[in-house]
Amino acid sequence: MAACDETQAESWNHVTALLSTVSHEELLDRDLSLQDLLYRLYHEDGVRVYAPAHLALGCRCSREKLEDVIRTFSDDDIQHMVVDGRIAVTCQFCNAEYVFDPAAFGADPSGAPEARG
């Protein structure tokens, strides 16, 4: 395992040493493509440039996923989620709000935890 760490450290040192030779002018040169810059720096090591991947902002939250998450909580925890007769969940990524009927999870819509006997 130590040999692997040493090899990775040497590789990192090699890559950063070559990268430190790039000038500000090269980085800002609109006529110098990224592929050409990479080739200039690392042609002896072999350069492989992958096709660009399209990135898009998107959230994968859904009502069904959140229902499944809520069902993982104990009955007592679910009861404590009830506020103003509903369970509301806001996605922290896309800011969508989902509102659930507490009765769907066996909770009292009044929000008061059931009395323990």
Protein backbone atom coordinates (compact mmCIF):
# COMPACT_ATOMS: atom_id res chain seq x y z
CA MET A 1 0.00 0.00 0.00
CA ALA A 2 2.87 2.40 0.79
CA ALA A 3 4.39 1.81 -2.66
CA CYS A 4 1.08 2.85 -4.25
CA ASP A 5 1.00 6.03 -2.15
CA GLU A 6 4.61 6.79 -3.10
CA THR A 7 3.87 6.27 -6.80
CA GLN A 8 0.83 8.54 -6.59
CA ALA A 9 2.88 11.21 -4.81
CA GLU A 10 5.58 11.03 -7.49
CA SER A 11 2.96 11.25 -10.24
CA TRP A 12 1.32 14.23 -8.58
CA ASN A 13 4.68 15.98 -8.17
CA HIS A 14 5.48 15.33 -11.86
CA VAL A 15 2.11 16.68 -13.06
CA THR A 16 2.23 19.79 -10.87
CA ALA A 17 5.85 20.52 -11.85
CA LEU A 18 4.89 20.52 -15.53
CA LEU A 19 1.74 22.54 -14.88
CA SER A 20 3.73 25.19 -13.04
CA THR A 21 5.57 25.95 -16.31
CA VAL A 22 2.42 27.35 -17.93
CA SER A 23 2.48 31.11 -18.33
CA HIS A 24 -0.41 33.47 -17.71
CA GLU A 25 -0.35 34.33 -21.39
CA GLU A 26 -0.84 30.68 -22.36
CA LEU A 27 -3.76 30.30 -19.99
CA LEU A 28 -5.43 33.41 -21.39
CA ASP A 29 -4.63 32.76 -25.05
CA ARG A 30 -7.97 32.31 -26.83
CA ASP A 31 -6.18 30.76 -29.82
CA LEU A 32 -4.61 27.99 -27.74
CA SER A 33 -7.10 25.16 -27.27
CA LEU A 34 -7.17 23.21 -24.05
CA GLN A 35 -6.22 20.08 -25.99
CA ASP A 36 -3.14 21.81 -27.41
CA LEU A 37 -2.14 23.08 -23.99
CA LEU A 38 -2.48 19.61 -22.51
CA TYR A 39 -0.43 18.16 -25.36
CA ARG A 40 2.32 20.75 -24.84
CA LEU A 41 2.52 19.87 -21.17
CA TYR A 42 2.05 16.12 -21.10
CA HIS A 43 2.81 14.75 -24.59
CA GLU A 44 5.55 12.49 -23.23
CA ASP A 45 3.13 10.92 -20.76
CA GLY A 46 0.28 10.48 -23.24
CA VAL A 47 -2.72 12.73 -23.40
CA ARG A 48 -6.29 11.51 -23.63
CA VAL A 49 -9.07 14.08 -23.95
CA TYR A 50 -12.59 12.82 -23.52
CA ALA A 51 -15.62 14.29 -25.23
CA PRO A 52 -17.18 17.00 -23.10
CA ALA A 53 -20.13 16.00 -20.99
CA HIS A 54 -23.15 18.25 -20.88
CA LEU A 55 -23.93 19.32 -17.34
CA ALA A 56 -27.37 20.47 -16.39
CA LEU A 57 -28.83 21.77 -13.21
CA GLY A 58 -31.47 19.39 -12.06
CA CYS A 59 -32.93 17.90 -8.96
CA ARG A 60 -34.04 14.31 -8.59
CA CYS A 61 -36.38 14.88 -5.68
CA SER A 62 -39.91 13.56 -6.03
CA ARG A 63 -42.98 13.17 -3.90
CA GLU A 64 -42.55 9.39 -3.93
CA LYS A 65 -38.94 9.54 -2.76
CA LEU A 66 -39.86 11.87 0.09
CA GLU A 67 -42.76 9.63 1.12
CA ASP A 68 -40.31 6.74 1.30
CA VAL A 69 -37.95 8.82 3.44
CA ILE A 70 -40.71 9.87 5.82
CA ARG A 71 -41.77 6.24 6.23
CA THR A 72 -38.28 5.40 7.55
CA PHE A 73 -38.92 7.51 10.67
CA SER A 74 -40.53 6.21 13.83
CA ASP A 75 -44.19 6.96 14.49
CA ASP A 76 -43.15 9.38 17.22
CA ASP A 77 -40.77 11.24 14.87
CA ILE A 78 -43.44 11.45 12.18
CA GLN A 79 -45.90 12.83 14.73
CA HIS A 80 -43.37 15.54 15.62
CA MET A 81 -43.13 16.51 11.93
CA VAL A 82 -46.78 17.62 11.91
CA VAL A 83 -47.13 21.40 11.90
CA ASP A 84 -50.48 23.10 11.32
CA GLY A 85 -52.10 19.79 10.40
CA ARG A 86 -49.62 18.88 7.69
CA ILE A 87 -46.14 17.56 7.08
CA ALA A 88 -44.17 19.92 4.84
CA VAL A 89 -40.80 19.08 3.32
CA THR A 90 -38.67 21.57 1.40
CA CYS A 91 -35.97 20.24 -0.92
CA GLN A 92 -32.71 21.97 -0.04
CA PHE A 93 -31.51 21.64 -3.64
CA CYS A 94 -34.37 22.97 -5.75
CA ASN A 95 -36.44 24.60 -3.00
CA ALA A 96 -39.60 22.70 -4.00
CA GLU A 97 -42.07 22.23 -1.18
CA TYR A 98 -43.99 19.01 -0.74
CA VAL A 99 -46.98 18.86 1.59
CA PHE A 100 -48.25 15.57 2.98
CA ASP A 101 -51.34 14.53 4.90
CA PRO A 102 -50.14 13.19 8.26
CA ALA A 103 -52.88 10.55 8.21
CA ALA A 104 -51.11 8.91 5.25
CA PHE A 105 -48.35 8.02 7.71
CA GLY A 106 -50.63 7.14 10.62
CA ALA A 107 -50.04 10.46 12.38
CA ASP A 108 -52.58 12.65 14.12
CA PRO A 109 -53.17 15.81 12.03
CA SER A 110 -53.48 17.84 15.24
CA GLY A 111 -49.75 17.47 15.64
CA ALA A 112 -49.99 16.58 19.31
CA PRO A 113 -47.90 13.52 20.15
CA GLU A 114 -50.11 10.70 21.30
CA ALA A 115 -50.37 10.28 25.04
CA ARG A 116 -48.25 7.52 26.42
CA GLY A 117 -50.07 5.09 28.63
